[in-house]
Amino acid sequence: MAVQTPKQRIANEKFNKKVEKTRKYGKKKPTKKNSDDKVAISKYWIFALTFLLIGGGVLELLRLFF
């Protein structure tokens, strides 16, 4: 095992105290919910793409009938 400096030892003790506290009270690990719920594309771009697709379809139908 590698030799620890006093700074590292203090940091490791601090970390271990936090871990023990978490285990003691049974806290769950924090999860990132924002990345799961959030859509990768903004509402503006969804609206713009939908408008272009539907508008293009309508224009093609008009071209076929007239």
C-alpha atoms as a PDB file:
ATOM      1  CA  MET A   1       0.000   0.000   0.000  1.00  0.00           C
ATOM      2  CA  ALA A   2       1.221   3.488  -0.827  1.00  0.00           C
ATOM      3  CA  VAL A   3       2.301   5.940   1.856  1.00  0.00           C
ATOM      4  CA  GLN A   4      -0.195   8.719   2.519  1.00  0.00           C
ATOM      5  CA  THR A   5       0.636  12.304   3.187  1.00  0.00           C
ATOM      6  CA  PRO A   6      -1.026  13.957   6.193  1.00  0.00           C
ATOM      7  CA  LYS A   7      -3.285  15.929   3.832  1.00  0.00           C
ATOM      8  CA  GLN A   8      -4.444  12.749   2.117  1.00  0.00           C
ATOM      9  CA  ARG A   9      -5.027  11.015   5.432  1.00  0.00           C
ATOM     10  CA  ILE A  10      -7.227  13.875   6.675  1.00  0.00           C
ATOM     11  CA  ALA A  11      -9.186  13.886   3.416  1.00  0.00           C
ATOM     12  CA  ASN A  12      -9.681  10.111   3.596  1.00  0.00           C
ATOM     13  CA  GLU A  13     -10.896  10.324   7.198  1.00  0.00           C
ATOM     14  CA  LYS A  14     -13.380  13.039   6.213  1.00  0.00           C
ATOM     15  CA  PHE A  15     -14.650  10.931   3.339  1.00  0.00           C
ATOM     16  CA  ASN A  16     -15.014   7.853   5.542  1.00  0.00           C
ATOM     17  CA  LYS A  17     -17.032   9.842   8.094  1.00  0.00           C
ATOM     18  CA  LYS A  18     -19.443  10.925   5.360  1.00  0.00           C
ATOM     19  CA  VAL A  19     -19.773   7.357   4.121  1.00  0.00           C
ATOM     20  CA  GLU A  20     -20.445   6.050   7.624  1.00  0.00           C
ATOM     21  CA  LYS A  21     -23.050   8.752   8.205  1.00  0.00           C
ATOM     22  CA  THR A  22     -24.778   7.809   4.951  1.00  0.00           C
ATOM     23  CA  ARG A  23     -24.800   4.123   5.870  1.00  0.00           C
ATOM     24  CA  LYS A  24     -26.011   4.874   9.378  1.00  0.00           C
ATOM     25  CA  TYR A  25     -29.100   6.774   8.291  1.00  0.00           C
ATOM     26  CA  GLY A  26     -29.746   4.717   5.170  1.00  0.00           C
ATOM     27  CA  LYS A  27     -29.650   7.602   2.731  1.00  0.00           C
ATOM     28  CA  LYS A  28     -29.822   6.689  -0.902  1.00  0.00           C
ATOM     29  CA  LYS A  29     -27.327   7.827  -3.473  1.00  0.00           C
ATOM     30  CA  PRO A  30     -28.379  11.026  -5.235  1.00  0.00           C
ATOM     31  CA  THR A  31     -29.680  10.387  -8.721  1.00  0.00           C
ATOM     32  CA  LYS A  32     -29.784  12.713 -11.669  1.00  0.00           C
ATOM     33  CA  LYS A  33     -33.419  12.975 -12.698  1.00  0.00           C
ATOM     34  CA  ASN A  34     -32.998  15.930 -15.030  1.00  0.00           C
ATOM     35  CA  SER A  35     -31.189  13.954 -17.694  1.00  0.00           C
ATOM     36  CA  ASP A  36     -33.852  11.214 -17.668  1.00  0.00           C
ATOM     37  CA  ASP A  37     -36.890  13.500 -17.904  1.00  0.00           C
ATOM     38  CA  LYS A  38     -35.500  16.164 -20.183  1.00  0.00           C
ATOM     39  CA  VAL A  39     -35.951  15.864 -23.938  1.00  0.00           C
ATOM     40  CA  ALA A  40     -32.762  16.197 -25.972  1.00  0.00           C
ATOM     41  CA  ILE A  41     -34.328  18.767 -28.338  1.00  0.00           C
ATOM     42  CA  SER A  42     -36.073  21.994 -27.356  1.00  0.00           C
ATOM     43  CA  LYS A  43     -39.792  22.625 -27.846  1.00  0.00           C
ATOM     44  CA  TYR A  44     -39.041  25.312 -30.415  1.00  0.00           C
ATOM     45  CA  TRP A  45     -37.209  22.869 -32.689  1.00  0.00           C
ATOM     46  CA  ILE A  46     -39.920  20.233 -32.308  1.00  0.00           C
ATOM     47  CA  PHE A  47     -42.523  22.827 -33.351  1.00  0.00           C
ATOM     48  CA  ALA A  48     -40.392  24.019 -36.284  1.00  0.00           C
ATOM     49  CA  LEU A  49     -39.758  20.499 -37.597  1.00  0.00           C
ATOM     50  CA  THR A  50     -43.425  19.535 -37.220  1.00  0.00           C
ATOM     51  CA  PHE A  51     -44.481  22.696 -39.052  1.00  0.00           C
ATOM     52  CA  LEU A  52     -42.089  21.959 -41.908  1.00  0.00           C
ATOM     53  CA  LEU A  53     -43.162  18.334 -42.233  1.00  0.00           C
ATOM     54  CA  ILE A  54     -46.897  19.011 -42.121  1.00  0.00           C
ATOM     55  CA  GLY A  55     -46.564  22.121 -44.304  1.00  0.00           C
ATOM     56  CA  GLY A  56     -44.563  20.161 -46.880  1.00  0.00           C
ATOM     57  CA  GLY A  57     -47.167  17.402 -46.865  1.00  0.00           C
ATOM     58  CA  VAL A  58     -50.007  19.888 -47.380  1.00  0.00           C
ATOM     59  CA  LEU A  59     -48.171  21.556 -50.262  1.00  0.00           C
ATOM     60  CA  GLU A  60     -47.553  18.171 -51.915  1.00  0.00           C
ATOM     61  CA  LEU A  61     -51.261  17.297 -51.612  1.00  0.00           C
ATOM     62  CA  LEU A  62     -52.211  20.676 -53.138  1.00  0.00           C
ATOM     63  CA  ARG A  63     -49.770  20.073 -55.984  1.00  0.00           C
ATOM     64  CA  LEU A  64     -51.340  16.668 -56.709  1.00  0.00           C
ATOM     65  CA  PHE A  65     -54.918  18.003 -56.870  1.00  0.00           C
ATOM     66  CA  PHE A  66     -54.328  21.280 -58.703  1.00  0.00           C
END
